[in-house]
Amino acid sequence: MSYTIRDVKVVPEGDGVDVKRLFPLNGFMNFDPFVLWDHFEVSPGRGFPDHPHRGFEAITYMFKGGMNHKDNLGNESFVTAGGAQRFTAGKGIVHSEMPSETGNSNGIQLWINLPGKLKQMPASYQQVNDDEFPVQVIPGGKVKVIVGEGSPLILNSQVSYMHICLEKQAEYNIRFDKNMRGILYLMEGELSLDSIELKHDKALFIEDQQSLHVISQAKSEFMLCLGLPHNEPIHQYGPFVD
């Protein structure tokens, strides 16, 4: 069993955007199969103009505002709060992500490595709106499945990704394959996990574990992402992952 708590680091990205980054950072570049985790807040007139990608998949999940995606495949769409957009870069894609023209837009972008055998697959894009994701109501909270059972969002790696909200003193339990690695990222509140206390804007990295028992010490909101490692070297060069 292994737990590690990590802080976010604020770094510049795109055109005038500061993001809260878990990785890649000096000394902690990735967490196989995950390559990047950025929590962003973008104001109008800022964003992520045209830029290329290769070798991975990305999910942009929105908490508030909206994000317009436009790419060289001909896709153009606008995802709003509670929705997500997924692109599979494969052998290459050029896209932009620009925020709503009013108010700030807040969300998380997650990159998932593609296994070597899929690095040259054709690029693709998918949008899933808020009301298309399954939501499980539990005592004192709710669990929204972004990737996993019942969700229409499709990846090429074995991943579960959830948005979880708990009232104070509510509990959440989950079991999973012991070979999976996990990231629990707390945006709001305070959680207890066994003997660990987790505060907001911190993340718990999980290995060699097959269950979690979470208790909210205050009203809390967090993301839980689990993935099966590819056990292949990850070579990241800015927007490219080989």
Foldseek 3Di string as FASTA:
>chain_A
DDKDKDFFDWDDDAFGWTWGWPDDDVPRQADFQWGTKTKTKDAAPTFHPKDKAFFWKKKKAWQAFWKWKDWPVGDTDIAGHQKMKMKGQQHMIIMTIGTDNDDMIITMMIIGGDPPVRRNPDMDMDIDHRVQWDWDDDVFWIKTWCDDPRHPDDDPFDKTKIKIWGAAFDKDKDFADLQKKKKKAWQAAWKDWPNDIDHHSMIMIDHRDGMTMITTNHGTIIMMMIGHGPPDDWDDDPRYTD
